[in-house]
């Protein structure tokens, strides 16, 4: 069996009673205050409605005139706004026409540029073909020049050999010419000696003179 503490139970009941009494007091306070609040709200609403509503025919006519004036002003503003809108739309139409003309010109220019681009591409292709042909011709010319250079090298080598041979011959001829000159000088000396000898030795001198003349002739031929 559970045992209940009498003092705790009593405290709980007292708390519930206090709470109920508080709610009851608040409800009574609201019941007492709400009518005065309601009356004040009614008075304020009535005074506001009376202030807004006209009290006589003059006020009603004045209010109508005010409404007419406001409507006329708003109509005038609306008409001005429509005029401005019409002008603006007309300006926009003119601007659109100008832009359409610009667009058409740009389209024409684009077509012209496309044609020029196609022509330029064709010209580039032709230039590429010409460049390739020029390269081929240059390669062939280079090959021919190299072959000609090789031939010239061989020919120049042969010419150098031939020149060396001719130089040897010329040197040999020069040596022979020098020897003949020496011999000629000796023969001239002998001729001078023979001129001073008696006539008996004239025949031997004549033979030597003949030999000297032949030597002179051969020397002249070698020199030529």
N, C-alpha and C. Protein backbone atom coordinates (compact mmCIF):
# COMPACT_ATOMS: atom_id res chain seq x y z
N UNK A 1 0.84 -1.20 0.00
CA UNK A 1 0.00 0.00 0.00
C UNK A 1 0.87 1.24 0.00
N UNK A 2 0.49 2.24 -0.82
CA UNK A 2 1.22 3.49 -0.87
C UNK A 2 0.67 4.43 0.20
N UNK A 3 1.60 5.07 0.81
CA UNK A 3 1.21 6.06 1.81
C UNK A 3 1.30 7.46 1.24
N UNK A 4 0.25 8.29 1.43
CA UNK A 4 0.20 9.65 0.93
C UNK A 4 0.46 10.59 2.09
N UNK A 5 1.37 11.55 1.83
CA UNK A 5 1.69 12.55 2.85
C UNK A 5 0.59 13.58 2.89
N UNK A 6 -0.12 13.75 3.98
CA UNK A 6 -1.24 14.70 4.03
C UNK A 6 -0.79 16.13 3.80
N UNK A 7 0.36 16.53 4.30
CA UNK A 7 0.81 17.90 4.14
C UNK A 7 1.11 18.22 2.67
N UNK A 8 1.74 17.28 1.93
CA UNK A 8 2.04 17.51 0.51
C UNK A 8 0.78 17.60 -0.32
N UNK A 9 -0.17 16.77 -0.02
CA UNK A 9 -1.44 16.81 -0.74
C UNK A 9 -2.16 18.12 -0.51
N UNK A 10 -2.08 18.60 0.71
CA UNK A 10 -2.72 19.87 1.05
C UNK A 10 -2.06 21.02 0.29
N UNK A 11 -0.74 21.00 0.22
CA UNK A 11 -0.03 22.05 -0.51
C UNK A 11 -0.42 22.05 -1.99
N UNK A 12 -0.56 20.90 -2.60
CA UNK A 12 -0.93 20.82 -4.02
C UNK A 12 -2.33 21.38 -4.24
N UNK A 13 -3.25 21.07 -3.34
CA UNK A 13 -4.61 21.59 -3.47
C UNK A 13 -4.61 23.10 -3.34
N UNK A 14 -3.84 23.63 -2.37
CA UNK A 14 -3.76 25.07 -2.19
C UNK A 14 -3.20 25.76 -3.44
N UNK A 15 -2.18 25.15 -4.07
CA UNK A 15 -1.62 25.74 -5.29
C UNK A 15 -2.64 25.79 -6.39
N UNK A 16 -3.39 24.70 -6.55
CA UNK A 16 -4.42 24.69 -7.59
C UNK A 16 -5.49 25.72 -7.32
N UNK A 17 -5.82 25.91 -6.06
CA UNK A 17 -6.83 26.91 -5.70
C UNK A 17 -6.33 28.32 -6.02
N UNK A 18 -5.05 28.58 -5.69
CA UNK A 18 -4.51 29.92 -5.99
C UNK A 18 -4.51 30.19 -7.50
N UNK A 19 -4.15 29.17 -8.24
CA UNK A 19 -4.13 29.34 -9.69
C UNK A 19 -5.53 29.61 -10.22
N UNK A 20 -6.51 28.86 -9.75
CA UNK A 20 -7.89 29.07 -10.19
C UNK A 20 -8.39 30.45 -9.80
N UNK A 21 -8.03 30.90 -8.58
CA UNK A 21 -8.46 32.23 -8.13
C UNK A 21 -7.84 33.31 -9.02
N UNK A 22 -6.55 33.11 -9.43
CA UNK A 22 -5.89 34.09 -10.30
C UNK A 22 -6.57 34.20 -11.66
N UNK A 23 -6.88 33.04 -12.25
CA UNK A 23 -7.58 33.07 -13.54
C UNK A 23 -8.95 33.74 -13.40
N UNK A 24 -9.65 33.46 -12.32
CA UNK A 24 -10.96 34.04 -12.12
C UNK A 24 -10.87 35.56 -11.95
N UNK A 25 -9.86 36.04 -11.21
CA UNK A 25 -9.67 37.46 -11.02
C UNK A 25 -9.34 38.15 -12.36
N UNK A 26 -8.52 37.50 -13.16
CA UNK A 26 -8.18 38.08 -14.46
C UNK A 26 -9.41 38.15 -15.36
N UNK A 27 -10.25 37.11 -15.34
CA UNK A 27 -11.45 37.13 -16.16
C UNK A 27 -12.40 38.23 -15.72
N UNK A 28 -12.56 38.42 -14.41
CA UNK A 28 -13.42 39.48 -13.92
C UNK A 28 -12.89 40.85 -14.31
N UNK A 29 -11.54 40.99 -14.26
CA UNK A 29 -10.94 42.27 -14.65
C UNK A 29 -11.21 42.57 -16.12
N UNK A 30 -11.07 41.55 -16.96
CA UNK A 30 -11.34 41.75 -18.39
C UNK A 30 -12.80 42.11 -18.63
N UNK A 31 -13.70 41.44 -17.92
CA UNK A 31 -15.12 41.74 -18.09
C UNK A 31 -15.42 43.17 -17.68
N UNK A 32 -14.70 43.68 -16.68
CA UNK A 32 -14.94 45.05 -16.23
C UNK A 32 -14.30 46.07 -17.16
N UNK A 33 -13.17 45.72 -17.79
CA UNK A 33 -12.43 46.70 -18.60
C UNK A 33 -12.89 46.71 -20.05
N UNK A 34 -13.29 45.57 -20.60
CA UNK A 34 -13.61 45.46 -22.02
C UNK A 34 -14.72 46.43 -22.44
N UNK A 35 -15.80 46.63 -21.70
CA UNK A 35 -16.82 47.58 -22.17
C UNK A 35 -16.28 48.99 -22.37
N UNK A 36 -15.45 49.45 -21.44
CA UNK A 36 -14.89 50.81 -21.61
C UNK A 36 -13.98 50.88 -22.84
N UNK A 37 -13.17 49.83 -23.07
CA UNK A 37 -12.30 49.81 -24.25
C UNK A 37 -13.14 49.80 -25.52
N UNK A 38 -14.20 49.03 -25.52
CA UNK A 38 -15.08 48.96 -26.69
C UNK A 38 -15.73 50.31 -26.97
N UNK A 39 -16.21 50.94 -25.88
CA UNK A 39 -16.85 52.24 -26.07
C UNK A 39 -15.86 53.26 -26.64
N UNK A 40 -14.63 53.23 -26.15
CA UNK A 40 -13.63 54.18 -26.66
C UNK A 40 -13.34 53.91 -28.14
N UNK A 41 -13.23 52.65 -28.53
CA UNK A 41 -12.99 52.32 -29.94
C UNK A 41 -14.15 52.78 -30.81
N UNK A 42 -15.39 52.63 -30.31
CA UNK A 42 -16.55 53.07 -31.07
C UNK A 42 -16.54 54.58 -31.25
N UNK A 43 -16.19 55.30 -30.17
CA UNK A 43 -16.16 56.75 -30.25
C UNK A 43 -15.09 57.22 -31.26
N UNK A 44 -13.91 56.62 -31.18
CA UNK A 44 -12.84 57.02 -32.10
C UNK A 44 -13.23 56.73 -33.55
N UNK A 45 -13.83 55.56 -33.80
CA UNK A 45 -14.23 55.21 -35.16
C UNK A 45 -15.30 56.15 -35.67
N UNK A 46 -16.24 56.48 -34.79
CA UNK A 46 -17.32 57.38 -35.20
C UNK A 46 -16.79 58.77 -35.53
N UNK A 47 -15.87 59.25 -34.68
CA UNK A 47 -15.31 60.59 -34.94
C UNK A 47 -14.51 60.60 -36.26
N UNK A 48 -13.80 59.54 -36.53
CA UNK A 48 -13.03 59.48 -37.78
C UNK A 48 -13.97 59.43 -38.98
N UNK A 49 -15.04 58.64 -38.90
CA UNK A 49 -15.98 58.58 -40.01
C UNK A 49 -16.67 59.93 -40.22
N UNK A 50 -17.01 60.61 -39.13
CA UNK A 50 -17.62 61.91 -39.25
C UNK A 50 -16.66 62.92 -39.88
N UNK A 51 -15.36 62.79 -39.54
CA UNK A 51 -14.38 63.73 -40.12
C UNK A 51 -14.20 63.50 -41.63
N UNK A 52 -14.34 62.24 -42.06
CA UNK A 52 -14.15 61.95 -43.49
C UNK A 52 -15.41 62.17 -44.30
N UNK A 53 -16.57 61.94 -43.77
CA UNK A 53 -17.81 62.09 -44.51
C UNK A 53 -18.27 63.55 -44.50
N UNK A 54 -18.72 64.05 -45.65
CA UNK A 54 -19.24 65.43 -45.67
C UNK A 54 -20.54 65.55 -44.86
N UNK A 55 -20.68 66.70 -44.31
CA UNK A 55 -21.84 66.92 -43.46
C UNK A 55 -22.98 67.66 -44.17
N UNK A 56 -22.60 68.32 -45.37
CA UNK A 56 -23.63 69.10 -46.07
C UNK A 56 -23.46 68.91 -47.58
N UNK A 57 -24.42 69.47 -48.36
CA UNK A 57 -24.38 69.36 -49.80
C UNK A 57 -23.21 70.14 -50.39
N UNK A 58 -22.89 71.30 -49.77
CA UNK A 58 -21.76 72.07 -50.25
C UNK A 58 -20.46 71.26 -50.17
N UNK A 59 -20.32 70.57 -49.01
CA UNK A 59 -19.11 69.75 -48.86
C UNK A 59 -19.11 68.61 -49.87
N UNK A 60 -20.31 68.04 -50.14
CA UNK A 60 -20.40 66.95 -51.11
C UNK A 60 -20.02 67.46 -52.50
N UNK A 61 -20.53 68.65 -52.88
CA UNK A 61 -20.20 69.23 -54.18
C UNK A 61 -18.72 69.57 -54.28
N UNK A 62 -18.21 70.12 -53.17
CA UNK A 62 -16.76 70.46 -53.17
C UNK A 62 -15.93 69.19 -53.31
N UNK A 63 -16.38 68.13 -52.62
CA UNK A 63 -15.65 66.86 -52.74
C UNK A 63 -15.71 66.32 -54.17
N UNK A 64 -16.90 66.46 -54.80
CA UNK A 64 -17.03 66.02 -56.19
C UNK A 64 -16.12 66.84 -57.11
N UNK A 65 -16.12 68.18 -56.88
CA UNK A 65 -15.26 69.03 -57.70
C UNK A 65 -13.78 68.65 -57.52
N UNK A 66 -13.43 68.36 -56.28
CA UNK A 66 -12.05 67.94 -56.02
C UNK A 66 -11.73 66.64 -56.76
N UNK A 67 -12.67 65.70 -56.74
CA UNK A 67 -12.47 64.44 -57.44
C UNK A 67 -12.36 64.67 -58.95
N UNK A 68 -13.23 65.59 -59.49
CA UNK A 68 -13.17 65.89 -60.92
C UNK A 68 -11.81 66.50 -61.28
N UNK A 69 -11.36 67.44 -60.44
CA UNK A 69 -10.07 68.08 -60.71
C UNK A 69 -8.93 67.04 -60.67
N UNK A 70 -8.98 66.18 -59.65
CA UNK A 70 -7.94 65.14 -59.57
C UNK A 70 -8.01 64.21 -60.77
N UNK A 71 -9.25 63.89 -61.22
CA UNK A 71 -9.38 63.02 -62.39
C UNK A 71 -8.86 63.72 -63.66
N UNK A 72 -9.19 65.05 -63.78
CA UNK A 72 -8.71 65.80 -64.94
C UNK A 72 -7.18 65.86 -64.94
N UNK A 73 -6.59 66.11 -63.77
CA UNK A 73 -5.14 66.16 -63.68
C UNK A 73 -4.51 64.81 -64.03
N UNK A 74 -5.10 63.76 -63.48
CA UNK A 74 -4.57 62.43 -63.77
C UNK A 74 -4.74 62.08 -65.25
N UNK A 75 -5.90 62.55 -65.86
CA UNK A 75 -6.11 62.32 -67.29
C UNK A 75 -5.09 63.08 -68.12
N UNK A 76 -4.82 64.33 -67.70
CA UNK A 76 -3.83 65.14 -68.42
C UNK A 76 -2.44 64.51 -68.34
N UNK A 77 -2.10 64.06 -67.12
CA UNK A 77 -0.80 63.40 -66.96
C UNK A 77 -0.73 62.13 -67.80
N UNK A 78 -1.86 61.40 -67.83
CA UNK A 78 -1.88 60.17 -68.62
C UNK A 78 -1.75 60.46 -70.11
N UNK A 79 -2.41 61.55 -70.59
CA UNK A 79 -2.29 61.93 -72.00
C UNK A 79 -0.86 62.35 -72.33
N UNK A 80 -0.25 63.15 -71.43
CA UNK A 80 1.15 63.54 -71.65
C UNK A 80 2.06 62.31 -71.69
N UNK A 81 1.76 61.39 -70.78
CA UNK A 81 2.57 60.17 -70.76
C UNK A 81 2.40 59.38 -72.06
N UNK A 82 1.14 59.35 -72.58
CA UNK A 82 0.91 58.68 -73.85
C UNK A 82 1.64 59.37 -74.99
N UNK A 83 1.63 60.72 -74.99
CA UNK A 83 2.36 61.45 -76.04
C UNK A 83 3.85 61.14 -75.98
N UNK A 84 4.38 61.18 -74.75
CA UNK A 84 5.80 60.86 -74.60
C UNK A 84 6.09 59.43 -75.06
N UNK A 85 5.17 58.53 -74.72
CA UNK A 85 5.35 57.14 -75.14
C UNK A 85 5.30 57.01 -76.65
N UNK A 86 4.36 57.77 -77.29
CA UNK A 86 4.29 57.74 -78.75
C UNK A 86 5.57 58.28 -79.38
N UNK A 87 6.04 59.44 -78.84
CA UNK A 87 7.29 60.00 -79.37
C UNK A 87 8.46 59.02 -79.18
N UNK A 88 8.48 58.44 -78.00
CA UNK A 88 9.56 57.49 -77.72
C UNK A 88 9.50 56.28 -78.64
N UNK A 89 8.25 55.79 -78.86
CA UNK A 89 8.10 54.64 -79.76
C UNK A 89 8.48 55.01 -81.19
N UNK A 90 8.13 56.27 -81.61
CA UNK A 90 8.51 56.71 -82.95
C UNK A 90 10.03 56.79 -83.07
N UNK A 91 10.68 57.36 -82.04
CA UNK A 91 12.15 57.42 -82.05
C UNK A 91 12.76 56.01 -82.08
N UNK A 92 12.14 55.12 -81.31
CA UNK A 92 12.64 53.74 -81.30
C UNK A 92 12.46 53.08 -82.66
N UNK A 93 11.32 53.38 -83.34
CA UNK A 93 11.12 52.82 -84.68
C UNK A 93 12.15 53.36 -85.66
N UNK A 94 12.45 54.68 -85.54
CA UNK A 94 13.48 55.25 -86.41
C UNK A 94 14.84 54.62 -86.13
N UNK A 95 15.14 54.44 -84.85
CA UNK A 95 16.41 53.82 -84.48
C UNK A 95 16.47 52.37 -84.97
N UNK A 96 15.32 51.68 -84.86
CA UNK A 96 15.28 50.30 -85.35
C UNK A 96 15.50 50.26 -86.87
N UNK A 97 14.90 51.25 -87.60
CA UNK A 97 15.13 51.31 -89.05
C UNK A 97 16.60 51.54 -89.37
N UNK A 98 17.23 52.46 -88.62
CA UNK A 98 18.66 52.71 -88.83
C UNK A 98 19.47 51.46 -88.55
N UNK A 99 19.14 50.80 -87.44
CA UNK A 99 19.88 49.57 -87.11
C UNK A 99 19.65 48.48 -88.14
N UNK A 100 18.42 48.43 -88.69
CA UNK A 100 18.16 47.45 -89.75
C UNK A 100 19.01 47.75 -90.99
N UNK A 101 19.13 49.05 -91.33
CA UNK A 101 20.00 49.42 -92.46
C UNK A 101 21.45 49.04 -92.19
N UNK A 102 21.90 49.31 -90.95
CA UNK A 102 23.28 48.95 -90.59
C UNK A 102 23.48 47.45 -90.67
N UNK A 103 22.48 46.70 -90.20
CA UNK A 103 22.58 45.24 -90.25
C UNK A 103 22.64 44.75 -91.69
N UNK A 104 21.80 45.36 -92.56
CA UNK A 104 21.82 44.96 -93.97
C UNK A 104 23.17 45.27 -94.61
N UNK A 105 23.71 46.47 -94.30
CA UNK A 105 25.04 46.81 -94.84
C UNK A 105 26.10 45.85 -94.34
N UNK A 106 25.99 45.50 -93.05
CA UNK A 106 26.96 44.55 -92.49
C UNK A 106 26.84 43.18 -93.15
N UNK A 107 25.60 42.79 -93.45
CA UNK A 107 25.42 41.51 -94.14
C UNK A 107 26.06 41.56 -95.53
N UNK A 108 25.83 42.71 -96.23
CA UNK A 108 26.44 42.84 -97.57
C UNK A 108 27.96 42.82 -97.46
N UNK A 109 28.49 43.57 -96.46
CA UNK A 109 29.95 43.57 -96.26
C UNK A 109 30.46 42.18 -95.92
N UNK A 110 29.67 41.44 -95.12
CA UNK A 110 30.08 40.09 -94.77
C UNK A 110 30.15 39.20 -96.01
N UNK A 111 29.13 39.34 -96.90
CA UNK A 111 29.17 38.57 -98.14
C UNK A 111 30.38 38.92 -98.99
N UNK A 112 30.65 40.25 -99.07
CA UNK A 112 31.83 40.68 -99.83
C UNK A 112 33.11 40.14 -99.22
N UNK A 113 33.19 40.19 -97.90
CA UNK A 113 34.38 39.66 -97.23
C UNK A 113 34.52 38.16 -97.42
N UNK A 114 33.40 37.45 -97.46
CA UNK A 114 33.47 36.01 -97.70
C UNK A 114 34.03 35.74 -99.10
N UNK A 115 33.54 36.54 -100.08
CA UNK A 115 34.06 36.37 -101.46
C UNK A 115 35.55 36.67 -101.50
N UNK A 116 35.95 37.79 -100.87
CA UNK A 116 37.37 38.15 -100.84
C UNK A 116 38.20 37.09 -100.12
N UNK A 117 37.62 36.54 -99.04
CA UNK A 117 38.34 35.49 -98.32
C UNK A 117 38.52 34.25 -99.18
N UNK A 118 37.46 33.90 -99.94
CA UNK A 118 37.58 32.75 -100.84
C UNK A 118 38.65 33.02 -101.90
N UNK A 119 38.64 34.24 -102.47
CA UNK A 119 39.65 34.58 -103.46
C UNK A 119 41.05 34.56 -102.85
N UNK A 120 41.17 35.06 -101.63
CA UNK A 120 42.47 35.06 -100.95
C UNK A 120 42.94 33.64 -100.69
N UNK A 121 42.00 32.76 -100.29
CA UNK A 121 42.38 31.36 -100.06
C UNK A 121 42.84 30.70 -101.36
N UNK A 122 42.11 31.01 -102.46
CA UNK A 122 42.52 30.46 -103.76
C UNK A 122 43.90 30.98 -104.15
N UNK A 123 44.12 32.29 -103.91
CA UNK A 123 45.44 32.86 -104.21
C UNK A 123 46.53 32.22 -103.37
N UNK A 124 46.21 31.96 -102.09
CA UNK A 124 47.19 31.31 -101.22
C UNK A 124 47.51 29.90 -101.71
N UNK A 125 46.46 29.19 -102.14
CA UNK A 125 46.70 27.85 -102.67
C UNK A 125 47.58 27.91 -103.90
N UNK A 126 47.28 28.90 -104.79
CA UNK A 126 48.12 29.05 -105.98
C UNK A 126 49.55 29.41 -105.61
N UNK A 127 49.70 30.28 -104.62
CA UNK A 127 51.05 30.65 -104.17
C UNK A 127 51.77 29.45 -103.57
N UNK A 128 51.02 28.62 -102.83
CA UNK A 128 51.64 27.42 -102.26
C UNK A 128 52.11 26.48 -103.38
N UNK A 129 51.23 26.34 -104.41
CA UNK A 129 51.63 25.49 -105.54
C UNK A 129 52.86 26.08 -106.24
N UNK A 130 52.86 27.42 -106.44
CA UNK A 130 54.03 28.06 -107.07
C UNK A 130 55.27 27.88 -106.20
N UNK A 131 55.08 27.99 -104.90
CA UNK A 131 56.22 27.82 -104.00
C UNK A 131 56.78 26.41 -104.08
N UNK A 132 55.86 25.42 -104.14
CA UNK A 132 56.34 24.05 -104.26
C UNK A 132 57.07 23.83 -105.58
N UNK A 133 56.50 24.41 -106.68
CA UNK A 133 57.18 24.26 -107.97
C UNK A 133 58.53 24.97 -107.96
N UNK A 134 58.57 26.15 -107.32
CA UNK A 134 59.84 26.87 -107.23
C UNK A 134 60.86 26.09 -106.40
N UNK A 135 60.37 25.45 -105.34
CA UNK A 135 61.27 24.62 -104.55
C UNK A 135 61.84 23.49 -105.38
N UNK A 136 60.94 22.85 -106.17
CA UNK A 136 61.41 21.76 -107.02
C UNK A 136 62.42 22.27 -108.05
N UNK A 137 62.08 23.43 -108.68
CA UNK A 137 63.03 24.00 -109.65
C UNK A 137 64.34 24.39 -108.98
N UNK A 138 64.24 24.94 -107.76
CA UNK A 138 65.46 25.32 -107.05
C UNK A 138 66.31 24.09 -106.72
N UNK A 139 65.62 23.00 -106.32
CA UNK A 139 66.36 21.78 -106.02
C UNK A 139 67.04 21.24 -107.29
N UNK A 140 66.29 21.27 -108.43
CA UNK A 140 66.89 20.80 -109.67
C UNK A 140 68.06 21.70 -110.09
N UNK A 141 67.85 23.04 -109.95
CA UNK A 141 68.94 23.96 -110.30
C UNK A 141 70.15 23.75 -109.41
N UNK A 142 69.89 23.53 -108.13
CA UNK A 142 71.00 23.27 -107.20
C UNK A 142 71.74 22.00 -107.57
N UNK A 143 70.97 20.97 -107.95
CA UNK A 143 71.61 19.71 -108.36
C UNK A 143 72.46 19.92 -109.62
N UNK A 144 71.87 20.68 -110.60
CA UNK A 144 72.64 20.94 -111.82
C UNK A 144 73.89 21.77 -111.52
N UNK A 145 73.73 22.76 -110.63
CA UNK A 145 74.90 23.59 -110.28
C UNK A 145 75.97 22.76 -109.58
N UNK A 146 75.52 21.86 -108.68
CA UNK A 146 76.50 21.00 -108.00
C UNK A 146 77.23 20.10 -109.00
N UNK A 147 76.44 19.56 -109.96
CA UNK A 147 77.09 18.74 -110.98
C UNK A 147 78.06 19.56 -111.81
N UNK A 148 77.63 20.80 -112.17
CA UNK A 148 78.53 21.67 -112.94
C UNK A 148 79.78 22.00 -112.15
N UNK A 149 79.59 22.22 -110.82
CA UNK A 149 80.76 22.51 -109.98
C UNK A 149 81.70 21.32 -109.93
N UNK A 150 81.11 20.11 -109.83
CA UNK A 150 81.96 18.92 -109.82
C UNK A 150 82.72 18.81 -111.14
N UNK A 151 81.98 19.05 -112.25
CA UNK A 151 82.66 18.99 -113.54
C UNK A 151 83.76 20.04 -113.65
N UNK A 152 83.43 21.28 -113.15
CA UNK A 152 84.44 22.33 -113.17
C UNK A 152 85.64 22.00 -112.30
N UNK A 153 85.34 21.33 -111.16
CA UNK A 153 86.45 20.93 -110.29
C UNK A 153 87.36 19.94 -111.01
N UNK A 154 86.71 18.92 -111.65
CA UNK A 154 87.52 17.95 -112.40
C UNK A 154 88.27 18.63 -113.54
N UNK A 155 87.53 19.52 -114.26
CA UNK A 155 88.16 20.20 -115.37
C UNK A 155 89.31 21.09 -114.88
N UNK A 156 89.07 21.80 -113.77
CA UNK A 156 90.13 22.66 -113.24
C UNK A 156 91.31 21.84 -112.76
N UNK A 157 91.01 20.65 -112.22
CA UNK A 157 92.11 19.76 -111.80
C UNK A 157 92.93 19.34 -113.01
N UNK A 158 92.19 18.97 -114.09
CA UNK A 158 92.92 18.60 -115.31
C UNK A 158 93.71 19.79 -115.85
N UNK A 159 93.08 20.98 -115.80
CA UNK A 159 93.80 22.16 -116.27
C UNK A 159 95.02 22.47 -115.42
N UNK A 160 94.88 22.26 -114.11
CA UNK A 160 96.05 22.49 -113.24
C UNK A 160 97.17 21.54 -113.58
N UNK A 161 96.76 20.27 -113.82
CA UNK A 161 97.79 19.28 -114.20
C UNK A 161 98.44 19.69 -115.52
N UNK A 162 97.56 20.12 -116.50
CA UNK A 162 98.10 20.54 -117.78
C UNK A 162 99.01 21.76 -117.63
N UNK A 163 98.56 22.69 -116.76
CA UNK A 163 99.40 23.88 -116.53
C UNK A 163 100.72 23.51 -115.87
N UNK A 164 100.65 22.55 -114.94
CA UNK A 164 101.90 22.10 -114.32
C UNK A 164 102.85 21.52 -115.36
N UNK A 165 102.21 20.71 -116.28
CA UNK A 165 103.05 20.14 -117.34
C UNK A 165 103.67 21.25 -118.19
N UNK A 166 102.81 22.21 -118.59
CA UNK A 166 103.33 23.29 -119.44
C UNK A 166 104.36 24.13 -118.68
N UNK A 167 104.15 24.31 -117.39
CA UNK A 167 105.15 25.04 -116.60
C UNK A 167 106.49 24.31 -116.58
N UNK A 168 106.40 22.96 -116.49
CA UNK A 168 107.63 22.18 -116.53
C UNK A 168 108.35 22.33 -117.87
N UNK A 169 107.51 22.29 -118.95
CA UNK A 169 108.10 22.46 -120.28
C UNK A 169 108.73 23.83 -120.41
N UNK A 170 107.98 24.87 -119.92
CA UNK A 170 108.51 26.24 -120.01
C UNK A 170 109.79 26.38 -119.21
N UNK A 171 109.82 25.77 -118.02
CA UNK A 171 111.05 25.84 -117.22
C UNK A 171 112.21 25.15 -117.94
N UNK A 172 111.87 24.02 -118.54
CA UNK A 172 112.93 23.29 -119.26
C UNK A 172 113.42 24.11 -120.44
N UNK A 173 112.47 24.74 -121.15
CA UNK A 173 112.85 25.59 -122.28
C UNK A 173 113.68 26.79 -121.83
N UNK A 174 113.30 27.34 -120.66
CA UNK A 174 114.07 28.46 -120.13
C UNK A 174 115.51 28.04 -119.83
N UNK A 175 115.65 26.84 -119.26
CA UNK A 175 117.00 26.34 -118.95
C UNK A 175 117.80 26.16 -120.24
N UNK A 176 117.09 25.57 -121.24
CA UNK A 176 117.78 25.39 -122.53
C UNK A 176 118.14 26.73 -123.15
N UNK A 177 117.21 27.72 -123.02
CA UNK A 177 117.49 29.04 -123.57
C UNK A 177 118.70 29.66 -122.88
N UNK A 178 118.75 29.52 -121.57
CA UNK A 178 119.90 30.08 -120.85
C UNK A 178 121.20 29.42 -121.30
N UNK A 179 121.08 28.08 -121.48
CA UNK A 179 122.29 27.36 -121.94
C UNK A 179 122.71 27.82 -123.33
N UNK A 180 121.67 28.01 -124.19
CA UNK A 180 121.99 28.48 -125.54
C UNK A 180 122.56 29.89 -125.52
N UNK A 181 122.05 30.71 -124.60
CA UNK A 181 122.61 32.05 -124.49
C UNK A 181 124.08 31.99 -124.10
N UNK A 182 124.36 31.12 -123.16
CA UNK A 182 125.77 30.98 -122.74
C UNK A 182 126.62 30.49 -123.91
N UNK A 183 126.05 29.49 -124.64
CA UNK A 183 126.79 28.96 -125.80
C UNK A 183 126.97 30.03 -126.85
N UNK A 184 125.90 30.86 -127.03
CA UNK A 184 125.98 31.94 -128.02
C UNK A 184 127.06 32.94 -127.64
N UNK A 185 127.11 33.22 -126.35
CA UNK A 185 128.15 34.16 -125.90
C UNK A 185 129.53 33.57 -126.17
N UNK A 186 129.66 32.26 -125.90
CA UNK A 186 130.96 31.63 -126.16
C UNK A 186 131.29 31.67 -127.66
N UNK A 187 130.24 31.41 -128.48
CA UNK A 187 130.47 31.43 -129.93
C UNK A 187 130.85 32.82 -130.42
N UNK A 188 130.19 33.82 -129.86
CA UNK A 188 130.55 35.19 -130.24
C UNK A 188 131.99 35.52 -129.86
N UNK A 189 132.39 35.01 -128.69
CA UNK A 189 133.78 35.23 -128.27
C UNK A 189 134.74 34.51 -129.22
N UNK A 190 134.33 33.29 -129.62
CA UNK A 190 135.19 32.55 -130.55
C UNK A 190 135.25 33.25 -131.90
N UNK A 191 134.11 33.82 -132.35
CA UNK A 191 134.12 34.54 -133.62
C UNK A 191 135.04 35.75 -133.57
N UNK A 192 135.00 36.44 -132.44
CA UNK A 192 135.90 37.57 -132.32
C UNK A 192 137.37 37.11 -132.35
N UNK A 193 137.59 35.94 -131.73
CA UNK A 193 138.97 35.41 -131.75
C UNK A 193 139.35 34.98 -133.15
N UNK A 194 138.35 34.40 -133.86
CA UNK A 194 138.65 33.96 -135.23
C UNK A 194 138.91 35.14 -136.15
N UNK A 195 138.27 36.22 -135.92
CA UNK A 195 138.51 37.40 -136.77
C UNK A 195 139.96 37.87 -136.63
N UNK A 196 140.55 37.66 -135.52
CA UNK A 196 141.91 38.11 -135.29
C UNK A 196 142.94 37.07 -135.77
N UNK A 197 142.53 35.82 -136.07
CA UNK A 197 143.45 34.79 -136.54
C UNK A 197 143.70 34.93 -138.05
N UNK A 198 144.69 34.17 -138.56
CA UNK A 198 144.95 34.22 -140.00
C UNK A 198 143.82 33.63 -140.81
N UNK A 199 143.91 33.86 -142.15
CA UNK A 199 142.86 33.43 -143.07
C UNK A 199 142.84 31.93 -143.16
N UNK A 200 143.87 31.23 -142.83
CA UNK A 200 143.93 29.77 -142.94
C UNK A 200 142.88 29.12 -142.07
N UNK A 201 142.58 29.77 -140.95
CA UNK A 201 141.58 29.17 -140.04
C UNK A 201 140.19 29.73 -140.26
N UNK A 202 139.95 30.36 -141.39
CA UNK A 202 138.65 30.98 -141.68
C UNK A 202 137.56 29.96 -141.90
N UNK A 203 137.94 28.80 -142.49
CA UNK A 203 136.91 27.79 -142.75
C UNK A 203 136.35 27.24 -141.44
N UNK A 204 137.24 26.98 -140.47
CA UNK A 204 136.74 26.49 -139.18
C UNK A 204 135.87 27.54 -138.51
N UNK A 205 136.27 28.80 -138.66
CA UNK A 205 135.43 29.86 -138.07
C UNK A 205 134.09 29.96 -138.75
N UNK A 206 134.11 29.73 -140.07
CA UNK A 206 132.83 29.78 -140.79
C UNK A 206 131.89 28.70 -140.29
N UNK A 207 132.44 27.52 -140.04
CA UNK A 207 131.59 26.42 -139.54
C UNK A 207 131.02 26.78 -138.17
N UNK A 208 131.86 27.36 -137.34
CA UNK A 208 131.37 27.73 -136.01
C UNK A 208 130.33 28.84 -136.10
N UNK A 209 130.53 29.76 -137.04
CA UNK A 209 129.54 30.84 -137.21
C UNK A 209 128.21 30.29 -137.67
N UNK A 210 128.32 29.30 -138.59
CA UNK A 210 127.06 28.66 -139.05
C UNK A 210 126.35 28.00 -137.89
N UNK A 211 127.16 27.32 -137.07
CA UNK A 211 126.54 26.67 -135.90
C UNK A 211 125.95 27.71 -134.94
N UNK A 212 126.60 28.85 -134.81
CA UNK A 212 126.09 29.90 -133.93
C UNK A 212 124.80 30.46 -134.46
N UNK A 213 124.69 30.67 -135.80
CA UNK A 213 123.46 31.20 -136.36
C UNK A 213 122.30 30.23 -136.17
N UNK A 214 122.66 28.92 -136.36
CA UNK A 214 121.59 27.93 -136.13
C UNK A 214 121.13 27.93 -134.68
N UNK A 215 122.09 28.13 -133.78
CA UNK A 215 121.73 28.18 -132.35
C UNK A 215 120.87 29.40 -132.06
N UNK A 216 121.22 30.54 -132.72
CA UNK A 216 120.39 31.74 -132.54
C UNK A 216 118.96 31.50 -133.07
N UNK A 217 118.87 30.86 -134.22
CA UNK A 217 117.54 30.60 -134.77
C UNK A 217 116.71 29.70 -133.88
N UNK A 218 117.33 28.65 -133.34
CA UNK A 218 116.60 27.74 -132.43
C UNK A 218 116.20 28.44 -131.15
N UNK A 219 117.13 29.33 -130.66
CA UNK A 219 116.80 30.09 -129.44
C UNK A 219 115.60 31.03 -129.69
N UNK A 220 115.60 31.66 -130.88
CA UNK A 220 114.48 32.54 -131.20
C UNK A 220 113.18 31.77 -131.31
N UNK A 221 113.28 30.53 -131.91
CA UNK A 221 112.06 29.70 -132.02
C UNK A 221 111.58 29.28 -130.65
N UNK A 222 112.49 28.90 -129.74
CA UNK A 222 112.08 28.51 -128.37
C UNK A 222 111.45 29.67 -127.62
N UNK A 223 112.04 30.85 -127.83
CA UNK A 223 111.50 32.01 -127.15
C UNK A 223 110.08 32.33 -127.64
N UNK A 224 109.83 32.15 -128.93
CA UNK A 224 108.50 32.37 -129.48
C UNK A 224 107.53 31.36 -128.92
